[in-house]
Protein backbone atom coordinates (compact mmCIF):
# COMPACT_ATOMS: atom_id res chain seq x y z
CA MET A 1 -30.48 9.57 17.98
CA PHE A 2 -30.97 8.60 14.28
CA SER A 3 -34.90 9.82 13.28
CA MET A 4 -35.90 6.79 11.51
CA ASN A 5 -39.74 7.71 10.41
CA THR A 6 -38.48 7.30 7.00
CA LEU A 7 -35.99 4.71 6.00
CA PRO A 8 -32.86 6.13 3.87
CA GLU A 9 -32.35 4.83 0.18
CA TRP A 10 -29.77 2.81 -0.80
CA THR A 11 -28.63 5.07 -2.99
CA ASP A 12 -27.99 7.89 -0.43
CA LEU A 13 -26.05 5.42 2.02
CA ARG A 14 -24.04 4.57 -0.68
CA PHE A 15 -22.82 7.93 -1.37
CA PHE A 16 -22.14 8.07 2.40
CA LEU A 17 -20.11 5.16 2.09
CA GLU A 18 -18.23 6.51 -0.54
CA LEU A 19 -17.74 9.88 1.08
CA ALA A 20 -16.26 8.16 4.17
CA ARG A 21 -13.88 6.37 2.24
CA ALA A 22 -12.62 9.47 -0.14
CA GLY A 23 -13.00 11.64 2.36
CA THR A 24 -13.81 14.50 -0.21
CA LEU A 25 -16.64 15.29 -2.61
CA SER A 26 -14.40 15.59 -5.69
CA GLY A 27 -12.98 11.72 -4.79
CA THR A 28 -16.46 10.78 -3.77
CA SER A 29 -18.09 12.01 -7.14
CA ARG A 30 -14.94 10.66 -9.48
CA ARG A 31 -15.58 6.79 -7.67
CA LEU A 32 -19.36 7.19 -8.67
CA SER A 33 -19.09 9.08 -11.99
CA VAL A 34 -21.31 12.01 -10.92
CA GLU A 35 -21.19 15.64 -9.73
CA HIS A 36 -19.54 16.79 -6.43
CA THR A 37 -22.65 18.65 -6.28
CA THR A 38 -24.66 15.56 -6.53
CA VAL A 39 -22.80 14.33 -3.61
CA ALA A 40 -22.95 17.04 -1.64
CA ARG A 41 -26.94 17.20 -2.05
CA ARG A 42 -27.38 13.75 -1.21
CA ILE A 43 -25.48 13.76 1.74
CA ASP A 44 -27.32 16.92 2.94
CA ARG A 45 -30.65 14.75 2.01
CA LEU A 46 -29.24 12.32 4.33
CA GLU A 47 -28.72 14.42 6.97
CA GLN A 48 -31.86 15.82 7.10
CA GLN A 49 -33.75 12.82 6.83
CA LEU A 50 -31.83 11.26 9.82
CA GLY A 51 -32.00 14.30 11.95
CA SER A 52 -28.15 14.10 12.87
CA THR A 53 -24.98 15.45 11.21
CA LEU A 54 -22.90 12.48 9.66
CA PHE A 55 -19.82 14.49 8.94
CA ASP A 56 -17.44 17.41 10.04
CA ARG A 57 -16.96 19.48 6.96
CA SER A 58 -13.50 21.53 7.09
CA ARG A 59 -10.71 22.87 4.29
CA GLU A 60 -9.20 19.16 4.30
CA GLY A 61 -12.35 17.34 3.81
CA TYR A 62 -14.87 15.42 5.44
CA GLN A 63 -14.35 13.53 8.75
CA LEU A 64 -17.45 10.83 10.02
CA THR A 65 -18.82 12.57 13.23
CA GLU A 66 -19.76 10.19 16.19
CA MET A 67 -22.89 9.55 14.44
CA GLY A 68 -21.62 8.90 11.22
CA LEU A 69 -19.47 6.41 12.94
CA ALA A 70 -22.36 4.75 14.20
CA LEU A 71 -24.01 4.56 10.55
CA LEU A 72 -20.91 3.19 9.27
CA PRO A 73 -20.81 -0.53 10.10
CA HIS A 74 -24.84 -0.69 9.04
CA ALA A 75 -24.29 0.79 5.79
CA GLU A 76 -21.10 -1.33 5.12
CA ALA A 77 -23.68 -4.44 6.24
CA MET A 78 -26.21 -3.06 3.68
CA GLU A 79 -23.41 -2.90 0.85
CA SER A 80 -22.19 -6.26 1.61
CA ALA A 81 -25.52 -7.82 0.98
CA VAL A 82 -26.68 -5.77 -1.97
CA VAL A 83 -22.83 -7.22 -3.50
CA ALA A 84 -23.99 -10.60 -2.53
CA ALA A 85 -27.11 -10.43 -4.23
CA LYS A 86 -25.75 -9.05 -7.44
CA ASP A 87 -23.33 -11.81 -7.35
CA GLN A 88 -25.97 -14.43 -6.95
CA LEU A 89 -28.52 -13.35 -9.26
CA SER A 90 -26.09 -13.11 -11.94
CA GLY A 91 -24.19 -15.80 -11.60
CA ALA A 92 -20.15 -14.83 -11.49
CA GLN A 93 -19.71 -11.29 -12.35
CA ILE A 94 -17.41 -11.33 -15.43
CA SER A 95 -16.04 -7.64 -15.07
CA ALA A 96 -14.91 -5.65 -12.09
CA ARG A 97 -15.72 -1.87 -11.83
CA GLY A 98 -15.48 1.04 -9.76
CA VAL A 99 -12.49 3.05 -8.24
CA VAL A 100 -9.83 0.97 -5.87
CA ARG A 101 -7.45 2.82 -3.49
CA LEU A 102 -4.39 1.36 -3.10
CA GLY A 103 -1.67 2.08 -0.71
CA VAL A 104 1.66 0.52 -1.35
CA PRO A 105 5.46 1.62 -0.68
CA GLU A 106 6.82 3.79 -2.65
CA ILE A 107 9.37 1.77 -4.74
CA PHE A 108 7.46 -1.24 -4.57
CA GLY A 109 4.53 0.37 -6.00
CA SER A 110 6.73 1.70 -8.99
CA ARG A 111 8.72 -0.87 -9.76
CA VAL A 112 6.70 -3.89 -8.81
CA VAL A 113 2.84 -3.08 -8.65
CA ALA A 114 2.14 -0.29 -11.62
CA PRO A 115 3.74 -2.64 -14.10
CA SER A 116 1.32 -5.48 -12.59
CA LEU A 117 -1.56 -3.67 -13.13
CA VAL A 118 -1.52 -2.82 -16.45
CA GLY A 119 -3.04 -6.13 -17.50
CA LEU A 120 -5.72 -6.39 -15.02
CA LEU A 121 -7.08 -2.73 -16.27
CA GLN A 122 -6.88 -4.12 -19.87
CA ALA A 123 -9.05 -6.95 -18.57
CA HIS A 124 -11.68 -4.88 -16.76
CA PRO A 125 -12.11 -1.97 -18.74
CA ASP A 126 -14.63 -0.50 -16.02
CA LEU A 127 -12.09 -0.80 -13.27
CA SER A 128 -9.50 2.14 -12.37
CA VAL A 129 -6.82 2.10 -9.74
CA ASP A 130 -5.54 5.01 -7.79
CA LEU A 131 -2.29 3.86 -6.91
CA LEU A 132 -1.29 5.54 -3.85
CA LEU A 133 2.75 5.82 -3.44
CA LEU A 134 3.68 6.19 0.00
CA PRO A 135 6.65 6.98 2.10
CA ARG A 136 4.48 5.18 4.65
CA PHE A 137 1.89 3.04 5.12
CA ALA A 138 -1.79 3.41 4.18
CA ASN A 139 -3.96 4.23 6.97
CA LEU A 140 -6.51 1.45 6.91
CA ALA A 141 -8.91 2.58 10.01
CA ASN A 142 -9.37 5.84 8.43
CA ARG A 143 -10.30 4.50 4.98
CA GLU A 144 -7.07 6.09 3.23
CA ALA A 145 -7.22 3.12 0.87
CA ASP A 146 -9.27 0.31 0.17
CA LEU A 147 -6.44 -2.02 0.46
CA GLY A 148 -2.84 -1.94 1.20
CA VAL A 149 0.89 -3.73 1.28
CA MET A 150 2.59 -3.29 4.88
CA LEU A 151 4.90 -4.47 7.26
CA ASP A 152 2.89 -4.11 10.05
CA PRO A 153 -0.66 -5.84 9.82
CA PRO A 154 -3.63 -4.30 11.60
CA SER A 155 -3.89 -6.38 14.74
CA THR A 156 -7.07 -4.96 15.79
CA GLY A 157 -10.50 -4.14 13.93
CA ARG A 158 -11.91 -6.37 11.24
CA TYR A 159 -9.55 -6.93 8.46
CA MET A 160 -8.82 -9.39 5.59
CA VAL A 161 -5.00 -10.17 6.49
CA THR A 162 -2.69 -12.78 4.24
CA ARG A 163 1.58 -12.84 4.01
CA LEU A 164 2.20 -11.45 0.58
CA SER A 165 5.73 -12.05 0.53
CA SER A 166 9.06 -12.45 2.78
CA PHE A 167 11.60 -10.39 1.08
CA ARG A 168 15.49 -9.89 1.82
CA LEU A 169 17.49 -6.58 1.63
CA TYR A 170 20.87 -7.02 0.37
CA ILE A 171 23.96 -4.92 0.58
CA TYR A 172 24.63 -2.86 -3.19
CA GLY A 173 27.28 -0.32 -4.12
CA ALA A 174 28.07 1.26 -7.49
CA PRO A 175 31.06 -0.05 -9.18
CA GLU A 176 32.95 3.36 -8.92
CA TYR A 177 32.10 3.62 -5.20
CA LEU A 178 33.86 0.14 -4.97
CA ALA A 179 36.83 1.18 -7.02
CA ARG A 180 37.59 3.83 -4.70
CA HIS A 181 37.73 2.52 -1.22
CA ALA A 182 38.54 -0.35 0.45
CA PRO A 183 37.68 -3.95 -0.89
CA ILE A 184 34.89 -5.80 1.07
CA LYS A 185 35.65 -9.28 1.46
CA GLN A 186 34.19 -9.83 4.50
CA HIS A 187 31.33 -8.44 7.05
CA ALA A 188 33.79 -6.96 8.88
CA ASP A 189 35.00 -4.88 6.42
CA LEU A 190 31.59 -3.08 5.87
CA VAL A 191 32.54 -0.65 9.22
CA GLU A 192 34.92 1.11 6.99
CA HIS A 193 32.25 2.29 4.42
CA ASP A 194 29.64 4.95 4.09
CA PHE A 195 26.06 4.46 3.52
CA VAL A 196 22.77 5.87 2.61
CA ASP A 197 19.55 4.95 4.79
CA TYR A 198 16.32 5.90 6.04
CA VAL A 199 15.86 8.77 7.78
CA GLN A 200 15.84 7.61 11.65
CA ASP A 201 13.09 9.52 13.34
CA ARG A 202 10.55 8.73 9.95
CA LEU A 203 10.71 5.42 10.14
CA ALA A 204 7.23 3.86 8.93
CA SER A 205 7.84 1.03 10.81
CA SER A 206 10.25 -0.31 12.91
CA GLY A 207 10.85 -3.06 10.30
CA LEU A 208 12.51 -0.14 8.12
CA ASN A 209 15.32 -0.25 10.67
CA TYR A 210 17.05 -3.03 8.76
CA MET A 211 20.28 -1.49 9.18
CA GLY A 212 20.49 -2.42 13.28
CA GLU A 213 21.15 -5.80 11.83
CA LEU A 214 24.43 -5.08 10.56
CA GLY A 215 25.62 -5.07 14.23
CA PHE A 216 27.80 -1.83 14.19
CA THR A 217 26.33 1.66 13.94
CA PRO A 218 26.90 2.50 10.09
CA ARG A 219 28.20 6.14 8.77
CA ARG A 220 25.22 6.97 7.42
CA ARG A 221 26.33 10.00 4.54
CA LEU A 222 22.67 10.56 3.18
CA CYS A 223 19.27 9.70 4.51
CA CYS A 224 16.34 9.70 2.65
CA THR A 225 12.34 9.03 3.12
CA GLY A 226 12.29 6.91 0.33
CA MET A 227 14.05 4.15 -1.06
CA ALA A 228 14.10 5.32 -4.63
CA ALA A 229 16.12 8.54 -3.77
CA GLN A 230 18.40 6.48 -1.47
CA CYS A 231 18.94 3.89 -4.62
CA GLU A 232 19.53 6.93 -6.97
CA ALA A 233 22.22 8.11 -4.43
CA ALA A 234 24.07 5.02 -3.68
CA ALA A 235 24.21 4.79 -7.53
CA LEU A 236 26.03 7.76 -8.19
CA GLY A 237 28.89 6.47 -5.60
CA LEU A 238 27.56 8.09 -2.52
CA GLY A 239 27.62 4.96 -0.34
CA LEU A 240 26.61 1.74 0.22
CA ILE A 241 22.90 0.61 0.36
CA MET A 242 20.79 -2.11 1.52
CA ALA A 243 17.76 -2.73 -0.73
CA PRO A 244 15.13 -5.89 -2.33
CA PRO A 245 16.13 -7.03 -5.30
CA TYR A 246 13.33 -5.27 -6.79
CA ALA A 247 14.13 -1.69 -5.82
CA VAL A 248 17.57 -2.12 -7.43
CA PRO A 249 17.38 -1.52 -11.44
CA ASN A 250 18.89 -3.95 -13.59
CA ASP A 251 21.05 -1.43 -15.19
CA GLY A 252 24.70 -2.09 -13.53
CA ARG A 253 24.55 0.80 -11.47
CA LEU A 254 24.86 -0.59 -8.48
CA VAL A 255 26.07 -4.16 -7.51
CA ARG A 256 25.80 -6.68 -5.15
CA VAL A 257 28.42 -7.24 -2.19
CA LEU A 258 29.09 -10.13 -0.10
CA GLU A 259 26.28 -12.40 -1.97
CA ASN A 260 24.52 -13.88 0.17
CA ASN A 261 26.74 -13.88 3.30
CA PHE A 262 24.21 -11.16 4.90
CA TYR A 263 20.84 -9.81 4.58
CA ALA A 264 18.00 -8.69 6.80
CA GLU A 265 14.69 -10.37 6.07
CA ARG A 266 11.30 -8.81 6.68
CA THR A 267 7.40 -9.97 5.65
CA PHE A 268 5.39 -7.79 3.57
CA TRP A 269 1.24 -8.17 4.08
CA LEU A 270 -1.40 -7.82 2.13
CA ALA A 271 -4.43 -6.04 3.96
CA ALA A 272 -8.18 -4.78 3.78
CA PRO A 273 -11.28 -4.28 6.29
CA THR A 274 -13.45 -7.11 5.44
CA ASP A 275 -16.42 -4.98 4.21
CA LEU A 276 -14.27 -4.00 1.36
CA TYR A 277 -12.64 -6.87 0.81
CA ARG A 278 -15.81 -8.36 -0.47
CA LEU A 279 -16.12 -6.36 -3.07
CA GLN A 280 -15.48 -7.57 -6.19
CA ARG A 281 -13.17 -4.52 -7.56
CA VAL A 282 -11.05 -5.24 -4.30
CA ARG A 283 -10.86 -8.61 -4.46
CA VAL A 284 -9.50 -8.75 -8.52
CA VAL A 285 -6.45 -6.30 -6.89
CA TRP A 286 -5.84 -8.49 -4.16
CA ASP A 287 -5.78 -11.64 -5.83
CA LEU A 288 -3.70 -9.79 -8.78
CA LEU A 289 -1.30 -8.75 -5.94
CA ARG A 290 -0.86 -12.29 -4.22
CA GLU A 291 -0.37 -13.81 -8.16
CA CYS A 292 2.22 -11.47 -8.89
CA ALA A 293 4.31 -12.18 -5.74
CA GLU A 294 4.04 -16.26 -6.41
CA LYS A 295 5.34 -15.74 -9.90
CA ASN A 296 7.98 -13.47 -9.59
CA PRO A 297 10.11 -14.73 -6.41
CA SER A 298 13.28 -13.08 -7.94
CA LEU A 299 12.04 -9.69 -7.14
CA PHE A 300 12.12 -10.24 -3.49
CA MET A 301 14.98 -12.64 -2.78
CA PHE A 302 17.72 -14.69 -4.51
CA PRO A 303 17.93 -18.22 -4.22
CA ASP A 304 20.93 -19.05 -1.55
CA LYS A 305 23.99 -20.27 -3.02
CA LYS A 306 24.84 -24.34 -1.96
CA VAL A 307 28.07 -24.63 -0.42
CA LYS A 308 30.64 -26.85 -2.58
CA ALA A 309 31.56 -29.62 -0.24
């Protein structure tokens, strides 16, 4: 049990929260703009004051103990109260500040998110973003990221979740590949062709098994854990690929096959722990992602072609 003879200071609890989220002294020190020794000293002081060990220390970083997990929701509630008080006293805050960790799929982050962040960061000089380009989806439960884009939104726990955008994966091939192989005039012709795909036993989500919708087992010549490598291999003529529009470079090295006659459709979800969503620095990134998706539908799917009567 905690020893509460002396109430902890909010500043010490803030160090506790940031270390719980970052998992390392260096990451926490960067978030709070202090030396890592200051972080360690504050945590030691808090543990002595509470009479409990809040973190297990290891080479990999800091992990919350059972007591740390018990303290976490109370510290988060205090953080939310402090943020609400600041907002009320200052009216509407003009500028977001601090570090936001955003977890996104690799190629989506490179092609869509990174360019969109430039204007936001210019508008908020005190804001910085750690963009985690992952071959999987960010683990929000262990605070790997403050918010994340994913195929499978959290179904339990306290999260804010919204639909970001549906997207379609179309079939593409390099002109050089298509010239060397049998023409593709209808869906059945795909059976004779090579494909580039994800490594099947390393799928970050069952939703990435979109080639299962082809109706046959594709002849996979190369499998990669990331779509960027898949696109490059397909552009060099190794085989066909299924990819969303945002993933395909607009340089003519990949062209769409069968147009709108075949595609697989998926949905990206945006999620953040409820307590972090209340923070202005997280909300401005959240709002940016939603605005980007709403204003750029062509990044996610092509309009359906009308059939002439």
